[in-house]
N, C-alpha and C. Protein backbone atom coordinates (compact mmCIF):
# COMPACT_ATOMS: atom_id res chain seq x y z
N MET A 1 0.97 -1.03 -0.07
CA MET A 1 -0.10 0.22 -0.14
C MET A 1 0.84 1.34 0.12
N LYS A 2 2.31 1.26 -0.84
CA LYS A 2 2.77 2.07 -0.85
C LYS A 2 2.47 3.50 -1.63
N VAL A 3 1.03 3.36 -2.15
CA VAL A 3 0.57 4.29 -2.83
C VAL A 3 -0.02 5.73 -1.68
N LEU A 4 -0.57 4.91 -0.55
CA LEU A 4 -0.95 5.74 0.18
C LEU A 4 0.06 6.83 0.92
N ASP A 5 1.35 6.59 0.85
CA ASP A 5 2.18 7.25 1.18
C ASP A 5 2.47 8.43 0.32
N ARG A 6 2.30 8.84 -1.48
CA ARG A 6 2.07 9.46 -2.32
C ARG A 6 0.97 10.50 -2.71
N ARG A 7 0.01 10.41 -1.77
CA ARG A 7 -1.42 11.32 -1.96
C ARG A 7 -1.00 12.51 -2.32
N THR A 8 -0.47 13.28 -1.76
CA THR A 8 -0.02 14.81 -2.70
C THR A 8 0.27 14.49 -3.78
N ARG A 9 1.83 13.70 -4.50
CA ARG A 9 2.15 13.69 -5.51
C ARG A 9 0.79 13.07 -6.09
N ILE A 10 0.00 12.40 -6.08
CA ILE A 10 -1.05 11.71 -6.93
C ILE A 10 -1.76 12.96 -7.35
N GLU A 11 -2.25 13.79 -6.20
CA GLU A 11 -3.19 14.78 -6.38
C GLU A 11 -2.74 16.28 -7.40
N ALA A 12 -1.42 16.26 -6.92
CA ALA A 12 -0.95 17.41 -7.88
C ALA A 12 -0.82 16.79 -9.75
N ALA A 13 -0.71 16.05 -9.75
CA ALA A 13 -0.78 15.58 -11.34
C ALA A 13 -2.66 15.60 -11.81
N GLY A 14 -3.44 15.95 -10.79
CA GLY A 14 -4.40 16.07 -10.99
C GLY A 14 -5.25 14.49 -11.17
N ALA A 15 -5.01 13.46 -10.07
CA ALA A 15 -5.50 12.42 -10.16
C ALA A 15 -5.83 12.07 -9.22
N GLU A 16 -6.51 10.74 -9.14
CA GLU A 16 -7.35 10.30 -8.19
C GLU A 16 -6.84 8.44 -8.20
N ALA A 17 -6.62 7.50 -7.25
CA ALA A 17 -6.45 6.42 -6.88
C ALA A 17 -7.66 5.91 -6.12
N VAL A 18 -7.99 4.68 -6.96
CA VAL A 18 -9.24 4.16 -6.57
C VAL A 18 -8.53 2.66 -6.72
N PHE A 19 -8.97 2.15 -5.45
CA PHE A 19 -8.52 0.31 -5.45
C PHE A 19 -9.92 -0.04 -5.31
N VAL A 20 -9.87 -1.88 -6.22
CA VAL A 20 -10.91 -2.06 -6.36
C VAL A 20 -10.70 -3.55 -6.10
N VAL A 21 -11.35 -4.16 -5.23
CA VAL A 21 -10.94 -5.09 -4.22
C VAL A 21 -12.48 -6.00 -4.42
N TYR A 22 -12.33 -7.53 -4.09
CA TYR A 22 -13.22 -8.22 -4.12
C TYR A 22 -13.56 -9.12 -2.74
N ASP A 23 -13.19 -8.63 -2.04
CA ASP A 23 -13.55 -9.16 -0.34
C ASP A 23 -14.09 -8.82 0.19
N GLU A 24 -15.18 -8.95 1.55
CA GLU A 24 -16.11 -8.39 1.96
C GLU A 24 -15.14 -7.20 3.19
N PRO A 25 -16.31 -6.10 2.99
CA PRO A 25 -15.52 -4.87 3.93
C PRO A 25 -14.79 -5.44 4.87
N GLU A 26 -15.45 -6.25 5.88
CA GLU A 26 -14.85 -6.91 7.21
C GLU A 26 -13.58 -7.68 7.04
N ARG A 27 -12.94 -8.02 6.26
CA ARG A 27 -12.17 -8.76 5.83
C ARG A 27 -10.89 -8.22 5.68
N LEU A 28 -11.48 -7.48 4.56
CA LEU A 28 -10.52 -6.05 4.30
C LEU A 28 -10.10 -5.23 5.74
N ARG A 29 -10.59 -4.84 6.54
CA ARG A 29 -10.29 -4.36 7.89
C ARG A 29 -9.80 -5.25 8.60
N ARG A 30 -9.81 -6.08 8.56
CA ARG A 30 -9.15 -7.14 9.63
C ARG A 30 -7.74 -7.51 8.69
N GLY A 31 -7.74 -7.63 8.13
CA GLY A 31 -6.51 -8.13 7.27
C GLY A 31 -5.76 -6.90 6.00
N ILE A 32 -5.59 -6.71 4.83
CA ILE A 32 -4.74 -5.59 4.17
C ILE A 32 -5.02 -3.88 5.19
N LEU A 33 -6.14 -3.55 5.28
CA LEU A 33 -6.17 -2.41 5.67
C LEU A 33 -6.20 -2.22 7.12
N ARG A 34 -6.16 -3.13 8.04
CA ARG A 34 -5.37 -3.26 9.02
C ARG A 34 -4.58 -2.32 9.81
N ASP A 35 -4.74 -1.33 10.71
CA ASP A 35 -3.74 0.19 11.27
C ASP A 35 -3.24 0.55 10.13
N LEU A 36 -4.38 0.74 8.76
CA LEU A 36 -3.80 1.79 7.74
C LEU A 36 -5.44 2.61 7.32
N ASP A 37 -5.58 3.93 7.04
CA ASP A 37 -6.53 4.77 6.90
C ASP A 37 -5.81 4.96 5.14
N PRO A 38 -6.96 4.37 4.18
CA PRO A 38 -6.64 4.64 2.79
C PRO A 38 -7.55 5.93 2.49
N ALA A 39 -6.51 6.85 2.01
CA ALA A 39 -7.22 8.13 1.44
C ALA A 39 -7.76 8.15 0.46
N PHE A 40 -7.75 6.27 -0.26
CA PHE A 40 -8.56 6.61 -1.25
C PHE A 40 -9.82 5.97 -1.66
N PRO A 41 -11.12 6.36 -2.50
CA PRO A 41 -11.97 5.21 -2.44
C PRO A 41 -11.59 3.80 -2.57
N ILE A 42 -12.14 2.90 -2.11
CA ILE A 42 -12.28 1.41 -2.42
C ILE A 42 -13.45 1.07 -3.18
N LEU A 43 -13.70 0.22 -3.75
CA LEU A 43 -14.71 0.17 -4.80
C LEU A 43 -14.65 -1.70 -4.62
N LEU A 44 -16.01 -2.36 -3.92
CA LEU A 44 -16.19 -3.67 -3.61
C LEU A 44 -16.64 -4.10 -4.87
N ASP A 45 -16.18 -5.18 -5.61
CA ASP A 45 -16.59 -6.02 -6.69
C ASP A 45 -16.55 -7.67 -6.29
N PRO A 46 -17.29 -7.97 -5.43
CA PRO A 46 -17.68 -9.25 -5.15
C PRO A 46 -17.97 -10.54 -6.28
N ASP A 47 -18.32 -9.94 -7.16
CA ASP A 47 -18.77 -10.83 -8.13
C ASP A 47 -17.25 -10.81 -9.03
N ARG A 48 -16.09 -10.06 -9.09
CA ARG A 48 -15.10 -9.80 -10.13
C ARG A 48 -15.41 -9.58 -11.40
N ARG A 49 -16.40 -8.96 -11.20
CA ARG A 49 -16.97 -8.59 -12.82
C ARG A 49 -15.69 -7.32 -13.52
N ALA A 50 -15.85 -6.55 -12.56
CA ALA A 50 -14.47 -5.37 -13.20
C ALA A 50 -13.25 -6.52 -13.25
N TYR A 51 -12.77 -7.42 -12.58
CA TYR A 51 -11.47 -8.31 -12.77
C TYR A 51 -11.59 -8.76 -14.09
N ALA A 52 -12.92 -9.24 -14.67
CA ALA A 52 -13.02 -10.08 -15.38
C ALA A 52 -12.74 -8.78 -16.68
N GLU A 53 -13.64 -7.57 -16.75
CA GLU A 53 -13.91 -6.79 -17.78
C GLU A 53 -12.12 -6.24 -17.93
N TRP A 54 -11.35 -6.26 -17.12
CA TRP A 54 -10.10 -5.94 -17.11
C TRP A 54 -8.71 -6.81 -17.75
N GLY A 55 -9.77 -7.90 -17.50
CA GLY A 55 -8.55 -9.16 -17.93
C GLY A 55 -7.78 -9.65 -17.28
N LEU A 56 -7.83 -9.72 -15.79
CA LEU A 56 -7.42 -10.06 -14.75
C LEU A 56 -7.79 -11.51 -14.15
N ALA A 57 -7.00 -12.05 -14.43
CA ALA A 57 -6.89 -13.48 -14.37
C ALA A 57 -6.23 -14.11 -13.03
N ARG A 58 -6.58 -15.39 -12.86
CA ARG A 58 -6.18 -16.23 -11.53
C ARG A 58 -5.17 -16.94 -12.01
N ALA A 59 -4.62 -17.28 -11.01
CA ALA A 59 -2.74 -18.20 -11.18
C ALA A 59 -3.45 -19.55 -11.00
N SER A 60 -1.80 -20.12 -11.03
CA SER A 60 -2.31 -21.54 -10.85
C SER A 60 -1.57 -21.62 -9.30
N ILE A 61 -1.62 -22.30 -8.76
CA ILE A 61 -0.58 -22.44 -7.19
C ILE A 61 0.47 -22.43 -7.25
N ALA A 62 1.24 -23.49 -8.44
CA ALA A 62 2.49 -23.48 -8.56
C ALA A 62 3.04 -22.03 -9.40
N ARG A 63 2.68 -21.01 -10.23
CA ARG A 63 2.76 -20.16 -10.25
C ARG A 63 2.99 -18.77 -9.40
N VAL A 64 2.08 -19.05 -8.33
CA VAL A 64 2.00 -17.79 -7.36
C VAL A 64 2.86 -18.79 -6.31
N TRP A 65 2.63 -19.78 -5.41
CA TRP A 65 2.92 -20.04 -4.27
C TRP A 65 4.58 -20.61 -4.29
N LEU A 66 5.03 -21.23 -5.92
CA LEU A 66 6.27 -22.32 -6.06
C LEU A 66 7.75 -21.22 -6.71
N ASP A 67 6.96 -20.27 -7.35
CA ASP A 67 7.92 -19.10 -7.76
C ASP A 67 8.90 -18.72 -6.72
N PRO A 68 9.87 -19.15 -7.02
CA PRO A 68 11.12 -18.71 -6.11
C PRO A 68 11.07 -17.05 -5.96
N LYS A 69 10.66 -16.41 -6.99
CA LYS A 69 10.98 -14.78 -6.71
C LYS A 69 10.02 -14.17 -6.21
N VAL A 70 8.47 -15.46 -5.79
CA VAL A 70 7.26 -14.58 -4.57
C VAL A 70 8.33 -14.65 -3.48
N TRP A 71 9.13 -15.66 -3.11
CA TRP A 71 9.65 -16.40 -1.74
C TRP A 71 10.82 -14.76 -1.85
N ARG A 72 11.55 -14.78 -2.84
CA ARG A 72 12.43 -14.27 -2.72
C ARG A 72 11.87 -12.56 -2.20
N SER A 73 10.58 -11.74 -3.05
CA SER A 73 10.25 -10.95 -2.29
C SER A 73 9.43 -10.53 -1.07
N TYR A 74 9.03 -12.16 -0.58
CA TYR A 74 8.53 -11.97 1.05
C TYR A 74 9.85 -12.07 1.64
N ALA A 75 10.79 -12.64 1.41
CA ALA A 75 12.59 -12.42 2.16
C ALA A 75 12.91 -10.99 2.20
N ARG A 76 12.99 -10.58 1.26
CA ARG A 76 13.57 -9.20 1.15
C ARG A 76 12.60 -8.06 2.05
N MET A 77 11.33 -8.16 1.94
CA MET A 77 10.45 -7.37 2.72
C MET A 77 10.76 -7.35 4.30
N PHE A 78 11.03 -8.68 4.08
CA PHE A 78 11.00 -9.30 5.69
C PHE A 78 12.05 -8.53 6.49
N LEU A 79 13.46 -8.87 5.49
CA LEU A 79 14.79 -8.73 6.17
C LEU A 79 15.25 -7.25 6.00
N ARG A 80 14.85 -6.19 5.09
CA ARG A 80 14.96 -5.41 4.57
C ARG A 80 14.29 -4.33 5.65
N GLU A 81 12.73 -4.57 5.34
CA GLU A 81 11.88 -3.86 6.16
C GLU A 81 11.17 -4.21 7.40
N GLY A 82 11.17 -5.19 7.96
CA GLY A 82 11.06 -5.46 8.93
C GLY A 82 10.10 -5.86 9.12
N GLN A 83 8.82 -6.47 7.64
CA GLN A 83 7.56 -6.41 7.04
C GLN A 83 7.41 -7.45 6.84
N ARG A 84 6.30 -8.44 7.76
CA ARG A 84 5.67 -9.50 7.35
C ARG A 84 4.42 -9.15 6.31
N PRO A 85 4.35 -10.04 5.42
CA PRO A 85 3.03 -10.07 4.40
C PRO A 85 1.97 -9.88 4.88
N ALA A 86 1.32 -8.73 4.25
CA ALA A 86 -0.33 -8.32 5.04
C ALA A 86 -1.09 -9.93 4.94
N ARG A 87 -2.00 -9.88 5.67
CA ARG A 87 -2.88 -11.07 5.38
C ARG A 87 -3.88 -10.75 3.70
N LYS A 88 -3.75 -11.79 3.16
CA LYS A 88 -4.48 -11.72 2.50
C LYS A 88 -5.82 -11.70 1.59
N GLY A 89 -6.17 -11.64 0.56
CA GLY A 89 -7.53 -12.05 0.68
C GLY A 89 -7.84 -13.31 0.49
N LYS A 90 -9.40 -13.90 0.99
CA LYS A 90 -9.31 -15.10 0.53
C LYS A 90 -9.61 -16.22 -0.46
N ASP A 91 -8.49 -15.16 -1.30
CA ASP A 91 -8.40 -16.07 -2.71
C ASP A 91 -7.29 -15.33 -3.24
N THR A 92 -6.43 -16.42 -3.24
CA THR A 92 -4.68 -15.86 -2.90
C THR A 92 -4.13 -15.72 -4.32
N LEU A 93 -4.94 -16.61 -5.28
CA LEU A 93 -4.55 -16.73 -6.78
C LEU A 93 -5.27 -15.77 -7.54
N GLN A 94 -5.76 -14.86 -7.08
CA GLN A 94 -6.91 -13.84 -7.49
C GLN A 94 -5.46 -12.59 -8.29
N LEU A 95 -5.22 -12.53 -9.26
CA LEU A 95 -4.23 -11.53 -9.70
C LEU A 95 -4.84 -10.57 -9.69
N GLY A 96 -4.26 -8.90 -9.53
CA GLY A 96 -4.95 -8.10 -9.35
C GLY A 96 -4.05 -7.29 -11.06
N GLY A 97 -4.63 -6.27 -10.59
CA GLY A 97 -3.04 -5.18 -11.93
C GLY A 97 -3.28 -3.73 -11.81
N ASP A 98 -2.36 -2.62 -12.32
CA ASP A 98 -2.47 -1.55 -12.39
C ASP A 98 -3.15 -0.66 -13.23
N PHE A 99 -3.79 0.12 -13.50
CA PHE A 99 -4.03 0.93 -14.77
C PHE A 99 -4.15 2.57 -14.01
N VAL A 100 -4.15 3.18 -15.50
CA VAL A 100 -3.86 4.79 -15.46
C VAL A 100 -4.99 4.78 -16.50
N VAL A 101 -6.47 6.01 -15.97
CA VAL A 101 -7.45 6.72 -16.79
C VAL A 101 -7.07 7.10 -17.13
N GLY A 102 -6.87 8.23 -18.27
CA GLY A 102 -6.33 9.65 -18.48
C GLY A 102 -7.61 10.58 -19.39
N ALA A 103 -7.42 11.77 -19.55
CA ALA A 103 -8.91 12.41 -19.45
C ALA A 103 -9.71 11.77 -20.43
N GLY A 104 -10.64 11.95 -20.34
CA GLY A 104 -11.49 11.48 -21.27
C GLY A 104 -12.37 10.38 -21.11
N GLY A 105 -11.31 9.58 -20.00
CA GLY A 105 -11.80 7.75 -19.88
C GLY A 105 -10.97 7.13 -20.65
N ARG A 106 -9.87 7.44 -21.00
CA ARG A 106 -8.76 6.67 -22.19
C ARG A 106 -7.77 6.23 -21.03
N LEU A 107 -7.60 4.50 -21.52
CA LEU A 107 -6.71 3.81 -20.59
C LEU A 107 -5.05 4.16 -21.43
N VAL A 108 -4.74 4.93 -20.58
CA VAL A 108 -3.19 5.05 -21.02
C VAL A 108 -2.22 4.15 -20.53
N TYR A 109 -2.51 3.13 -19.18
CA TYR A 109 -1.30 2.44 -18.90
C TYR A 109 -1.87 1.27 -18.26
N SER A 110 -1.59 -0.06 -18.63
CA SER A 110 -2.62 -1.03 -18.03
C SER A 110 -1.20 -2.20 -18.37
N ARG A 111 -1.38 -2.81 -16.55
CA ARG A 111 -0.24 -3.64 -16.42
C ARG A 111 -1.29 -4.76 -15.64
N PRO A 112 -1.55 -5.44 -16.14
CA PRO A 112 -2.33 -6.92 -15.43
C PRO A 112 -0.82 -7.54 -14.51
N GLN A 113 -1.30 -7.97 -13.63
CA GLN A 113 -0.59 -8.86 -12.66
C GLN A 113 -0.22 -9.97 -13.04
N GLU A 114 0.78 -10.49 -12.89
CA GLU A 114 1.24 -11.95 -13.55
C GLU A 114 1.32 -12.91 -12.17
N ARG A 115 2.61 -11.95 -11.02
CA ARG A 115 2.51 -12.82 -9.72
C ARG A 115 2.73 -11.74 -8.71
N ASP A 116 3.52 -11.90 -7.99
CA ASP A 116 3.56 -10.73 -6.74
C ASP A 116 4.45 -9.60 -7.47
N ASP A 117 4.37 -9.12 -8.25
CA ASP A 117 5.08 -8.00 -9.09
C ASP A 117 4.52 -7.25 -9.48
N ARG A 118 4.07 -6.64 -8.68
CA ARG A 118 3.22 -4.58 -8.85
C ARG A 118 4.41 -4.05 -9.32
N PRO A 119 4.12 -2.82 -10.19
CA PRO A 119 5.03 -1.85 -10.20
C PRO A 119 5.06 -1.04 -9.45
N ALA A 120 6.51 -0.44 -9.23
CA ALA A 120 7.11 0.46 -8.44
C ALA A 120 5.89 1.76 -8.59
N VAL A 121 5.60 2.02 -7.23
CA VAL A 121 4.77 3.42 -7.32
C VAL A 121 5.40 4.39 -7.65
N GLY A 122 6.67 4.89 -7.97
CA GLY A 122 7.13 5.63 -9.18
C GLY A 122 6.63 5.55 -10.35
N VAL A 123 6.50 4.35 -10.94
CA VAL A 123 6.59 3.81 -11.91
C VAL A 123 5.07 4.51 -12.41
N LEU A 124 3.99 4.50 -11.08
CA LEU A 124 2.74 4.58 -11.60
C LEU A 124 2.58 6.26 -11.52
N LEU A 125 3.57 6.56 -10.78
CA LEU A 125 3.68 8.35 -10.84
C LEU A 125 3.98 8.92 -11.92
N LYS A 126 4.57 8.54 -12.46
CA LYS A 126 5.58 8.96 -13.73
C LYS A 126 4.55 9.13 -14.78
N VAL A 127 3.71 7.54 -14.94
CA VAL A 127 2.79 7.70 -16.17
C VAL A 127 1.66 8.95 -15.69
N LEU A 128 1.19 8.91 -14.20
CA LEU A 128 0.18 10.21 -14.39
C LEU A 128 1.11 11.15 -14.48
N GLU A 129 2.08 11.85 -14.17
CA GLU A 129 2.59 12.95 -14.44
C GLU A 129 2.72 12.94 -16.46
N GLU A 130 3.47 11.91 -16.86
CA GLU A 130 3.69 12.26 -18.20
C GLU A 130 2.03 12.16 -19.08
N ALA A 131 1.00 11.78 -18.17
CA ALA A 131 -0.65 11.75 -18.78
C ALA A 131 -1.10 13.21 -18.75
N GLY A 132 -0.74 13.54 -17.77
CA GLY A 132 -1.20 15.24 -17.58
C GLY A 132 -2.18 15.80 -18.01
N GLY A 133 -3.82 14.89 -17.95
CA GLY A 133 -4.50 15.86 -18.27
C GLY A 133 -4.27 15.33 -20.05
N SER A 134 -3.73 14.35 -20.84
CA SER A 134 -3.85 14.57 -22.29
C SER A 134 -4.27 13.03 -22.31
N ALA A 135 -5.04 13.04 -23.54
CA ALA A 135 -5.63 11.37 -23.31
C ALA A 135 -4.65 10.41 -24.33
N GLU A 136 -3.39 10.93 -24.43
CA GLU A 136 -2.35 10.12 -25.26
C GLU A 136 -1.89 8.74 -24.61
N PRO A 137 -1.70 7.64 -25.03
CA PRO A 137 -1.21 6.30 -24.33
C PRO A 137 0.08 6.71 -24.10
N VAL A 138 0.10 6.31 -22.60
CA VAL A 138 2.34 6.38 -22.42
C VAL A 138 2.29 5.27 -21.48
N GLY A 139 3.26 4.67 -21.39
CA GLY A 139 3.76 3.47 -20.79
C GLY A 139 4.45 2.60 -21.78
N ASP A 140 4.37 1.22 -21.43
CA ASP A 140 5.00 0.26 -22.16
C ASP A 140 4.01 -1.06 -22.07
N ARG A 141 2.74 -0.76 -21.62
CA ARG A 141 2.24 -2.08 -21.65
C ARG A 141 0.41 -1.72 -22.35
N LEU A 142 0.62 -1.11 -23.48
CA LEU A 142 -0.49 -1.09 -24.56
C LEU A 142 -0.65 -1.76 -25.40
């Protein structure tokens, strides 16, 4: 949830972050939102219709939990930052994604998740700032 620390920069770009999740609100409060005050809207999609429309798939168990990159990422997070992974939702195989919608509702950046491999917040901020209200696609995944 590192994006929460960048609210000022997101607002300066004339943007808004929106989180779309499928879990029940109480599960979210007890899990990934525990001890957080998310300053952005959180939209609930329990039927995962938005996930399907945006092309967000589910992964296999082997692809997620047997991937050495995932375990390295968790080890790095624990060793460098002292963080333990937040409790995940009820479906740890559902993949998410990151999207930037520019002026006029045009998609300017799209990056469906493949594993535990979200783009750095700095990448998303750069795309937001480059879009700067234009409807021209930016980024590398369109």
